[in-house]
N, C-alpha and C. Protein backbone atom coordinates (compact mmCIF):
# COMPACT_ATOMS: atom_id res chain seq x y z
N MET A 1 165.77 160.51 91.68
CA MET A 1 165.48 159.47 91.88
C MET A 1 165.22 158.20 90.75
N SER A 2 166.31 156.85 91.43
CA SER A 2 165.67 156.12 91.13
C SER A 2 164.40 155.40 90.72
N ASN A 3 164.42 154.34 89.81
CA ASN A 3 163.04 153.56 90.28
C ASN A 3 162.45 152.83 90.95
N TRP A 4 163.78 152.06 92.14
CA TRP A 4 163.69 151.46 92.77
C TRP A 4 163.12 151.84 94.23
N LEU A 5 163.26 152.89 94.29
CA LEU A 5 163.03 153.82 95.53
C LEU A 5 161.80 155.01 95.38
N ASP A 6 161.07 154.28 94.15
CA ASP A 6 159.94 154.88 94.26
C ASP A 6 158.63 154.84 95.35
N LYS A 7 158.54 155.91 96.52
CA LYS A 7 158.20 154.92 97.68
C LYS A 7 156.13 154.34 97.11
N GLU A 8 155.52 154.56 96.12
CA GLU A 8 154.60 153.89 96.08
C GLU A 8 154.98 152.07 95.88
N SER A 9 155.86 152.34 94.55
CA SER A 9 156.39 150.97 94.08
C SER A 9 156.95 149.91 95.33
N VAL A 10 157.98 150.59 96.18
CA VAL A 10 158.14 149.60 97.22
C VAL A 10 157.10 149.02 98.08
N GLN A 11 156.11 150.28 98.29
CA GLN A 11 155.23 150.05 99.62
C GLN A 11 154.54 149.22 99.04
N ARG A 12 153.95 149.01 97.97
CA ARG A 12 153.16 147.84 97.20
C ARG A 12 154.17 146.41 96.92
N LYS A 13 155.18 146.82 96.50
CA LYS A 13 155.73 145.27 96.40
C LYS A 13 156.00 145.17 97.89
N ASP A 14 156.34 145.11 98.77
CA ASP A 14 156.37 145.07 100.13
C ASP A 14 155.10 144.29 100.36
N LEU A 15 154.09 145.28 100.48
CA LEU A 15 152.71 144.87 101.11
C LEU A 15 152.14 143.32 100.33
N ILE A 16 153.00 143.22 98.73
CA ILE A 16 152.19 141.97 98.43
C ILE A 16 153.37 141.04 98.86
N THR A 17 154.27 141.28 98.84
CA THR A 17 154.93 140.16 99.14
C THR A 17 155.20 139.79 100.55
N SER A 18 155.09 140.83 102.00
CA SER A 18 154.53 140.26 102.75
C SER A 18 153.51 139.19 103.15
N LEU A 19 152.32 139.99 102.56
CA LEU A 19 150.92 139.28 102.62
C LEU A 19 151.28 137.62 102.04
N VAL A 20 151.55 137.82 100.78
CA VAL A 20 151.53 136.09 99.88
C VAL A 20 152.72 135.34 101.01
N LEU A 21 153.86 135.74 101.83
CA LEU A 21 154.51 135.36 102.72
C LEU A 21 153.92 134.86 103.71
N TRP A 22 153.04 135.92 104.42
CA TRP A 22 152.48 135.20 105.94
C TRP A 22 151.26 134.25 105.16
N ILE A 23 150.53 134.34 104.53
CA ILE A 23 149.72 133.50 103.81
C ILE A 23 150.34 132.34 103.95
N VAL A 24 151.25 131.77 102.83
CA VAL A 24 152.26 130.61 102.97
C VAL A 24 152.76 129.91 103.99
N ALA A 25 153.29 130.87 105.22
CA ALA A 25 153.46 130.51 106.15
C ALA A 25 152.29 129.61 107.34
N GLU A 26 151.25 130.65 106.82
CA GLU A 26 150.07 130.08 107.58
C GLU A 26 149.29 129.18 107.11
N PHE A 27 149.16 128.94 105.91
CA PHE A 27 149.10 127.22 105.12
C PHE A 27 150.13 126.12 105.83
N VAL A 28 151.41 126.24 105.84
CA VAL A 28 152.19 125.45 105.83
C VAL A 28 152.16 125.06 107.22
N GLY A 29 152.09 126.51 107.97
CA GLY A 29 152.17 126.20 109.72
C GLY A 29 150.86 125.58 110.41
N PHE A 30 149.91 125.86 109.70
CA PHE A 30 148.73 125.18 110.22
C PHE A 30 147.63 124.36 109.61
N VAL A 31 148.48 124.42 108.24
CA VAL A 31 147.57 123.22 107.23
C VAL A 31 148.29 121.86 107.16
N MET A 32 149.64 122.05 106.28
CA MET A 32 150.68 121.33 105.77
C MET A 32 151.19 120.56 107.00
N PHE A 33 151.56 121.07 108.29
CA PHE A 33 152.76 120.38 109.08
C PHE A 33 151.22 119.00 109.91
N PRO A 34 150.27 119.60 110.35
CA PRO A 34 149.12 119.04 110.61
C PRO A 34 148.34 117.48 109.92
N LEU A 35 148.34 118.09 108.56
CA LEU A 35 147.75 117.08 107.49
C LEU A 35 148.74 116.23 107.51
N LEU A 36 150.17 116.23 107.07
CA LEU A 36 150.92 115.41 107.39
C LEU A 36 152.07 114.73 108.71
N GLN A 37 150.80 115.20 109.36
CA GLN A 37 151.05 114.56 111.29
C GLN A 37 152.92 114.75 111.38
N LEU A 38 153.02 116.05 111.02
CA LEU A 38 154.42 116.36 111.41
C LEU A 38 154.56 117.14 112.60
N VAL A 39 153.51 117.17 113.50
CA VAL A 39 153.05 118.24 114.34
C VAL A 39 152.03 117.47 114.96
N ARG A 40 151.78 116.43 116.09
CA ARG A 40 149.84 116.64 116.63
C ARG A 40 149.69 117.70 117.88
N VAL A 41 148.88 118.72 118.09
CA VAL A 41 148.46 119.04 118.78
C VAL A 41 147.16 119.34 118.93
N ASP A 42 146.65 119.35 120.24
CA ASP A 42 145.13 119.32 120.48
C ASP A 42 144.57 121.01 119.45
N GLY A 43 143.32 121.05 119.05
CA GLY A 43 142.63 121.69 118.58
C GLY A 43 142.55 123.09 119.61
N GLY A 44 142.33 123.18 120.61
CA GLY A 44 142.56 124.38 121.48
C GLY A 44 143.85 125.03 121.26
N VAL A 45 144.76 123.98 121.15
CA VAL A 45 146.07 124.77 121.12
C VAL A 45 146.27 125.65 119.65
N MET A 46 146.46 124.53 118.32
CA MET A 46 146.02 124.87 117.29
C MET A 46 145.49 126.51 117.16
N ARG A 47 144.15 126.27 117.51
CA ARG A 47 143.51 127.40 117.56
C ARG A 47 143.54 128.77 118.48
N ASN A 48 144.54 129.00 119.53
CA ASN A 48 145.22 129.80 120.24
C ASN A 48 146.52 129.90 119.50
N TRP A 49 147.24 129.42 118.63
CA TRP A 49 148.41 129.54 117.70
C TRP A 49 147.94 130.08 116.62
N PHE A 50 146.59 130.25 116.28
CA PHE A 50 146.10 130.81 115.22
C PHE A 50 145.89 131.89 115.09
N LEU A 51 144.72 132.01 116.50
CA LEU A 51 144.67 133.31 116.75
C LEU A 51 145.78 134.34 117.35
N THR A 52 146.36 134.03 117.58
CA THR A 52 147.82 134.63 117.71
C THR A 52 148.64 134.75 116.63
N SER A 53 148.47 134.35 115.64
CA SER A 53 149.18 134.40 114.62
C SER A 53 148.22 135.76 113.82
N LEU A 54 147.64 136.02 113.69
CA LEU A 54 146.69 136.82 113.23
C LEU A 54 147.24 138.33 113.31
N PRO A 55 146.65 138.87 114.71
CA PRO A 55 147.56 139.96 114.84
C PRO A 55 148.94 139.79 114.42
N LEU A 56 149.67 139.05 114.75
CA LEU A 56 150.99 139.39 114.93
C LEU A 56 151.02 138.83 113.00
N GLY A 57 150.98 138.49 112.25
CA GLY A 57 151.04 138.79 110.69
C GLY A 57 150.70 140.05 110.38
N LEU A 58 149.45 140.18 110.72
CA LEU A 58 148.83 141.50 110.12
C LEU A 58 149.75 142.94 110.60
N GLY A 59 150.03 142.86 111.66
CA GLY A 59 150.48 143.47 112.46
C GLY A 59 152.25 143.68 111.75
N GLY A 60 152.73 142.59 111.25
CA GLY A 60 154.50 142.28 111.04
C GLY A 60 154.06 142.94 109.33
N ILE A 61 152.77 143.12 108.79
CA ILE A 61 152.68 143.00 107.27
C ILE A 61 152.73 144.86 107.65
N LEU A 62 151.89 145.65 107.91
CA LEU A 62 151.96 146.82 108.34
C LEU A 62 153.05 147.57 108.57
N LEU A 63 153.95 146.81 109.98
CA LEU A 63 155.31 147.27 110.11
C LEU A 63 156.38 147.21 108.94
N MET A 64 156.33 146.06 108.29
CA MET A 64 156.91 145.96 107.26
C MET A 64 156.90 147.06 106.06
N VAL A 65 155.48 147.32 105.96
CA VAL A 65 155.43 148.49 105.45
C VAL A 65 155.99 150.00 105.77
N ALA A 66 155.56 150.19 106.72
CA ALA A 66 156.60 151.15 107.27
C ALA A 66 157.69 151.50 107.37
N SER A 67 158.39 150.15 107.44
CA SER A 67 159.71 150.18 107.52
C SER A 67 160.46 150.83 106.36
N SER A 68 159.90 150.00 105.00
CA SER A 68 159.69 150.74 104.20
C SER A 68 159.84 151.84 103.68
N ARG A 69 158.80 152.37 103.95
CA ARG A 69 158.72 153.98 103.85
C ARG A 69 159.75 154.75 104.35
N LEU A 70 159.91 153.74 105.65
CA LEU A 70 161.07 154.60 106.60
C LEU A 70 162.39 154.98 105.86
N VAL A 71 162.81 154.03 104.97
CA VAL A 71 163.84 154.08 104.24
C VAL A 71 164.36 154.68 103.03
N VAL A 72 162.74 154.59 102.46
CA VAL A 72 162.84 155.46 101.34
C VAL A 72 163.38 156.89 102.01
N PHE A 73 162.32 157.17 102.89
CA PHE A 73 162.21 158.61 103.21
C PHE A 73 163.71 159.16 103.85
N ASN A 74 164.50 158.30 104.56
CA ASN A 74 165.50 158.41 105.03
C ASN A 74 166.68 158.33 103.70
N GLN A 75 166.48 157.80 102.83
CA GLN A 75 167.29 158.28 100.94
C GLN A 75 167.16 159.03 100.63
N GLU A 76 165.91 159.58 100.60
CA GLU A 76 165.34 161.20 99.86
C GLU A 76 165.79 162.22 100.35
N ARG A 77 166.13 162.27 101.99
CA ARG A 77 166.57 163.75 102.90
C ARG A 77 168.08 163.53 103.26
N GLU A 78 168.27 164.58 103.51
CA GLU A 78 169.00 164.55 104.77
C GLU A 78 168.58 165.41 105.82
N HIS A 79 169.29 164.36 107.10
CA HIS A 79 168.64 165.39 108.20
C HIS A 79 170.04 164.05 109.11
N GLN A 80 169.66 164.90 110.30
CA GLN A 80 170.51 164.98 111.23
C GLN A 80 170.70 163.14 111.77
N MET A 81 169.53 162.87 111.74
CA MET A 81 169.79 161.35 112.13
C MET A 81 169.02 160.16 111.49
N LYS A 82 169.92 160.38 110.48
CA LYS A 82 170.11 159.67 108.80
C LYS A 82 170.54 157.91 109.49
N THR A 83 171.55 158.19 110.03
CA THR A 83 171.77 156.75 110.64
C THR A 83 170.53 155.86 111.87
N LEU A 84 170.17 156.82 112.31
CA LEU A 84 169.37 156.37 113.25
C LEU A 84 168.29 155.61 112.89
N ALA A 85 167.71 156.67 111.44
CA ALA A 85 166.65 156.24 111.15
C ALA A 85 166.59 154.54 110.26
N ALA A 86 168.13 154.65 110.02
CA ALA A 86 168.41 153.32 108.71
C ALA A 86 168.39 152.40 109.88
N VAL A 87 168.70 152.77 111.37
CA VAL A 87 168.77 151.16 111.95
C VAL A 87 167.55 150.73 112.43
N LEU A 88 166.51 152.13 113.13
CA LEU A 88 165.24 151.40 113.34
C LEU A 88 164.47 150.94 112.10
N ALA A 89 164.57 151.41 111.04
CA ALA A 89 163.77 150.74 109.70
C ALA A 89 164.66 149.57 109.88
N GLY A 90 165.91 149.16 109.66
CA GLY A 90 166.45 147.48 109.68
C GLY A 90 165.52 146.60 111.03
N ILE A 91 165.82 147.60 112.18
CA ILE A 91 165.33 146.37 113.50
C ILE A 91 163.73 146.31 112.80
N ALA A 92 163.01 147.06 112.57
CA ALA A 92 161.46 147.13 112.11
C ALA A 92 161.44 146.31 111.53
N GLY A 93 162.13 146.32 110.33
CA GLY A 93 162.10 145.19 109.13
C GLY A 93 161.91 143.74 109.66
N TRP A 94 163.03 143.37 110.50
CA TRP A 94 163.30 142.29 110.95
C TRP A 94 162.25 141.64 112.32
N VAL A 95 161.74 142.44 112.95
CA VAL A 95 160.73 142.37 114.00
C VAL A 95 159.14 142.26 113.22
N ALA A 96 159.48 142.68 111.82
CA ALA A 96 157.34 142.62 111.25
C ALA A 96 157.99 140.93 110.22
N LEU A 97 159.31 140.82 110.21
CA LEU A 97 159.64 139.26 109.55
C LEU A 97 159.34 138.15 110.95
N ALA A 98 159.58 138.80 112.03
CA ALA A 98 159.30 137.81 112.88
C ALA A 98 157.74 137.60 112.71
N GLY A 99 156.79 138.62 112.82
CA GLY A 99 155.30 138.45 112.96
C GLY A 99 154.90 137.65 111.97
N ILE A 100 155.03 137.94 110.50
CA ILE A 100 155.18 137.16 109.65
C ILE A 100 155.41 135.82 109.58
N LEU A 101 156.30 135.48 109.98
CA LEU A 101 156.90 134.06 110.03
C LEU A 101 156.41 133.13 111.54
N TYR A 102 155.69 133.71 112.19
CA TYR A 102 155.68 133.60 113.20
C TYR A 102 154.76 131.74 113.49
N PRO A 103 153.53 132.17 112.64
CA PRO A 103 152.95 130.91 112.01
C PRO A 103 154.07 129.56 111.77
N LEU A 104 154.86 129.86 111.06
CA LEU A 104 155.96 128.66 110.59
C LEU A 104 156.87 128.47 111.80
N TRP A 105 157.55 129.63 112.61
CA TRP A 105 158.28 129.04 113.59
C TRP A 105 157.55 128.68 114.48
N ILE A 106 156.63 128.99 115.37
CA ILE A 106 155.92 127.96 116.39
C ILE A 106 155.33 126.17 115.70
N VAL A 107 155.24 126.22 114.65
CA VAL A 107 155.08 124.63 114.27
C VAL A 107 155.83 123.90 114.25
N CYS A 108 157.44 124.86 113.37
CA CYS A 108 158.36 123.97 113.79
C CYS A 108 158.99 123.99 115.07
N TRP A 109 159.17 125.09 116.26
CA TRP A 109 159.11 124.96 117.30
C TRP A 109 158.85 123.45 118.02
N GLU A 110 157.28 123.21 117.50
CA GLU A 110 157.18 122.10 117.95
C GLU A 110 157.53 120.55 117.37
N PHE A 111 157.51 120.81 115.93
CA PHE A 111 158.32 119.73 115.55
C PHE A 111 159.79 119.22 116.01
N PHE A 112 160.47 120.37 116.27
CA PHE A 112 161.70 120.38 116.80
C PHE A 112 162.15 119.76 118.13
N THR A 113 161.06 120.45 118.98
CA THR A 113 161.31 120.12 120.30
C THR A 113 160.76 118.78 120.90
N LYS A 114 159.68 118.13 120.03
CA LYS A 114 159.04 117.38 120.43
C LYS A 114 158.73 115.56 119.59
N GLY A 115 159.85 115.93 118.22
CA GLY A 115 160.05 115.49 117.33
C GLY A 115 158.72 115.08 116.42
N LEU A 116 158.90 113.73 115.98
CA LEU A 116 157.80 113.38 114.75
C LEU A 116 157.15 112.69 116.01
N PRO A 117 155.91 112.59 116.20
CA PRO A 117 154.66 112.19 116.83
C PRO A 117 154.73 110.68 116.25
N SER A 118 154.85 109.53 117.50
CA SER A 118 154.72 108.29 117.27
C SER A 118 153.10 107.87 117.42
């Protein structure tokens, strides 16, 4: 087995990468965009977005680690449902990425649908 498919190494890398990506998305979405006045929303709306982003981001991070584990497991063993497992791991990865990037998506949606505040 090659080094890049080591279970612990892959999971650790994906955990750290996902966590850093989520923190950056939180900072850009909930600090930088409002600070630069690219979006103007009520404090209550921003709080709801933030509270929604917590379980989505943390769940996305856990799902990303799980999908990495599934990819490694799928490569290590021969089994009948190898194709299905690969498809499910890919879908899980994309869903995880959507949860991780939710803070950035929601403020970008606000920015592009309402434009620059005047």
